[in-house]
Amino acid sequence: MNANKNGASDDPGKRYLRIGQAAEAASVSKQSVQYYLLVGLLDPVKRSESGQQLFDDASIERIKLIKKLNESGYPLREIRDIFLDRHPD
């Protein structure tokens, strides 16, 4: 199931976005999404045949939540712990 250049996929009713498209849909920078990937806050849903990371609507909502929590004063490390259901000592 590949995403075409418009983010459509071979799976009817499911859309997959590349990193830049996901960032735009979530109103964050591409670099923010790349950083969320790097620190373990986000994982791609799948990869295209060419290896591009792909994201779905749930990924977009997660990115938006990360942004809101961070803007509310939560450090990214705490947000990751919340998502992993770990609590700092």
C-alpha atoms as a PDB file:
ATOM      1  CA  MET A   1       0.000   0.000   0.000  1.00  0.00           C
ATOM      2  CA  ASN A   2       1.790   3.047  -1.205  1.00  0.00           C
ATOM      3  CA  ALA A   3       0.901   6.660  -0.819  1.00  0.00           C
ATOM      4  CA  ASN A   4       0.758   8.634  -3.996  1.00  0.00           C
ATOM      5  CA  LYS A   5       2.018  12.194  -4.123  1.00  0.00           C
ATOM      6  CA  ASN A   6      -1.337  13.448  -2.810  1.00  0.00           C
ATOM      7  CA  GLY A   7      -1.250  11.186   0.239  1.00  0.00           C
ATOM      8  CA  ALA A   8      -3.810   8.714  -1.090  1.00  0.00           C
ATOM      9  CA  SER A   9      -3.194   5.035  -0.543  1.00  0.00           C
ATOM     10  CA  ASP A  10      -4.099   1.736  -2.130  1.00  0.00           C
ATOM     11  CA  ASP A  11      -6.194   0.979   0.987  1.00  0.00           C
ATOM     12  CA  PRO A  12      -9.651   2.501   0.366  1.00  0.00           C
ATOM     13  CA  GLY A  13     -10.738   4.852   3.139  1.00  0.00           C
ATOM     14  CA  LYS A  14      -7.238   5.118   4.596  1.00  0.00           C
ATOM     15  CA  ARG A  15      -4.821   7.904   3.781  1.00  0.00           C
ATOM     16  CA  TYR A  16      -1.121   7.927   4.463  1.00  0.00           C
ATOM     17  CA  LEU A  17       0.933  11.096   4.556  1.00  0.00           C
ATOM     18  CA  ARG A  18       4.642  11.634   4.150  1.00  0.00           C
ATOM     19  CA  ILE A  19       6.485  13.459   6.917  1.00  0.00           C
ATOM     20  CA  GLY A  20       6.118  16.941   5.421  1.00  0.00           C
ATOM     21  CA  GLN A  21       2.424  16.423   4.748  1.00  0.00           C
ATOM     22  CA  ALA A  22       1.895  15.106   8.289  1.00  0.00           C
ATOM     23  CA  ALA A  23       3.699  18.123   9.731  1.00  0.00           C
ATOM     24  CA  GLU A  24       1.566  20.492   7.679  1.00  0.00           C
ATOM     25  CA  ALA A  25      -1.649  18.698   8.670  1.00  0.00           C
ATOM     26  CA  ALA A  26      -0.687  18.960  12.361  1.00  0.00           C
ATOM     27  CA  SER A  27       0.517  22.586  12.058  1.00  0.00           C
ATOM     28  CA  VAL A  28       4.074  21.836  13.172  1.00  0.00           C
ATOM     29  CA  SER A  29       7.391  21.985  11.385  1.00  0.00           C
ATOM     30  CA  LYS A  30       8.851  19.014   9.571  1.00  0.00           C
ATOM     31  CA  GLN A  31      11.800  19.274  11.963  1.00  0.00           C
ATOM     32  CA  SER A  32       9.444  18.873  14.945  1.00  0.00           C
ATOM     33  CA  VAL A  33       8.049  15.645  13.505  1.00  0.00           C
ATOM     34  CA  GLN A  34      11.577  14.418  12.804  1.00  0.00           C
ATOM     35  CA  TYR A  35      12.540  15.190  16.395  1.00  0.00           C
ATOM     36  CA  TYR A  36       9.449  13.408  17.774  1.00  0.00           C
ATOM     37  CA  LEU A  37      10.532  10.381  15.768  1.00  0.00           C
ATOM     38  CA  LEU A  38      14.097  10.640  17.043  1.00  0.00           C
ATOM     39  CA  VAL A  39      13.146  10.783  20.741  1.00  0.00           C
ATOM     40  CA  GLY A  40      10.529   8.041  20.533  1.00  0.00           C
ATOM     41  CA  LEU A  41       7.355  10.108  20.767  1.00  0.00           C
ATOM     42  CA  LEU A  42       6.122   8.998  17.370  1.00  0.00           C
ATOM     43  CA  ASP A  43       6.532   6.066  15.026  1.00  0.00           C
ATOM     44  CA  PRO A  44       5.591   5.897  11.368  1.00  0.00           C
ATOM     45  CA  VAL A  45       2.559   3.731  10.701  1.00  0.00           C
ATOM     46  CA  LYS A  46       4.307   2.165   7.732  1.00  0.00           C
ATOM     47  CA  ARG A  47       6.880   2.769   5.040  1.00  0.00           C
ATOM     48  CA  SER A  48       6.374   3.146   1.336  1.00  0.00           C
ATOM     49  CA  GLU A  49       8.128   0.805  -1.084  1.00  0.00           C
ATOM     50  CA  SER A  50      10.790   3.501  -1.469  1.00  0.00           C
ATOM     51  CA  GLY A  51      11.291   3.624   2.309  1.00  0.00           C
ATOM     52  CA  GLN A  52       9.499   6.877   3.065  1.00  0.00           C
ATOM     53  CA  GLN A  53       7.921   7.080   6.504  1.00  0.00           C
ATOM     54  CA  LEU A  54       4.135   7.276   6.318  1.00  0.00           C
ATOM     55  CA  PHE A  55       1.631   8.550   8.854  1.00  0.00           C
ATOM     56  CA  ASP A  56      -2.134   8.242   9.236  1.00  0.00           C
ATOM     57  CA  ASP A  57      -4.864  10.358  10.847  1.00  0.00           C
ATOM     58  CA  ALA A  58      -4.133   8.902  14.294  1.00  0.00           C
ATOM     59  CA  SER A  59      -0.497   9.992  13.870  1.00  0.00           C
ATOM     60  CA  ILE A  60      -1.648  13.528  13.088  1.00  0.00           C
ATOM     61  CA  GLU A  61      -3.769  13.584  16.241  1.00  0.00           C
ATOM     62  CA  ARG A  62      -0.813  12.327  18.279  1.00  0.00           C
ATOM     63  CA  ILE A  63       1.427  15.070  16.862  1.00  0.00           C
ATOM     64  CA  LYS A  64      -1.209  17.670  17.754  1.00  0.00           C
ATOM     65  CA  LEU A  65      -1.436  16.266  21.289  1.00  0.00           C
ATOM     66  CA  ILE A  66       2.353  16.336  21.705  1.00  0.00           C
ATOM     67  CA  LYS A  67       2.354  19.967  20.593  1.00  0.00           C
ATOM     68  CA  LYS A  68      -0.466  20.937  22.996  1.00  0.00           C
ATOM     69  CA  LEU A  69       1.133  19.171  25.953  1.00  0.00           C
ATOM     70  CA  ASN A  70       4.520  20.734  25.199  1.00  0.00           C
ATOM     71  CA  GLU A  71       2.976  24.200  24.860  1.00  0.00           C
ATOM     72  CA  SER A  72       1.280  23.603  28.233  1.00  0.00           C
ATOM     73  CA  GLY A  73       4.664  23.189  29.865  1.00  0.00           C
ATOM     74  CA  TYR A  74       5.240  19.438  29.750  1.00  0.00           C
ATOM     75  CA  PRO A  75       8.786  18.547  28.715  1.00  0.00           C
ATOM     76  CA  LEU A  76       8.999  16.094  25.822  1.00  0.00           C
ATOM     77  CA  ARG A  77      10.591  13.503  28.110  1.00  0.00           C
ATOM     78  CA  GLU A  78       7.524  13.567  30.395  1.00  0.00           C
ATOM     79  CA  ILE A  79       5.210  13.373  27.401  1.00  0.00           C
ATOM     80  CA  ARG A  80       7.075  10.281  26.212  1.00  0.00           C
ATOM     81  CA  ASP A  81       6.774   8.741  29.689  1.00  0.00           C
ATOM     82  CA  ILE A  82       3.032   9.460  29.699  1.00  0.00           C
ATOM     83  CA  PHE A  83       2.642   7.794  26.302  1.00  0.00           C
ATOM     84  CA  LEU A  84       4.670   4.821  27.480  1.00  0.00           C
ATOM     85  CA  ASP A  85       2.641   4.790  30.724  1.00  0.00           C
ATOM     86  CA  ARG A  86       5.788   5.266  32.750  1.00  0.00           C
ATOM     87  CA  HIS A  87       5.993   7.702  35.569  1.00  0.00           C
ATOM     88  CA  PRO A  88       9.236   9.438  36.545  1.00  0.00           C
ATOM     89  CA  ASP A  89      10.503   8.564  40.012  1.00  0.00           C
END
